């Protein structure tokens, strides 16, 4: 049998959970980006260009908020993965 250079993937609860969390994180980042674009458009419509510094400050605050939210989501997912990994490892050891 020859080696193709690709490793066989093992379907396991941990691998499935990792993939689900990865997809959830991507969806969260996409949603945050869409929300920021929508917010920026609302600010552009509501605040005249004559007060551009105020518009910039409001949009920057929204960007900072979105960054904090995505970071919190990422930390939550990592914590969830670590907890699940410990639980699954303990479960495997009990077998």
Foldseek 3Di string as FASTA:
>chain_A
DDDPPDDDDDDDPLVVLVVVLVVVLVVLLVVLVVVLVVVLVVLPVPDDCVPVVVSVVVSVVSVVVSVVVSVVSVVVSVVVSVVVVVVVVVVVVVD
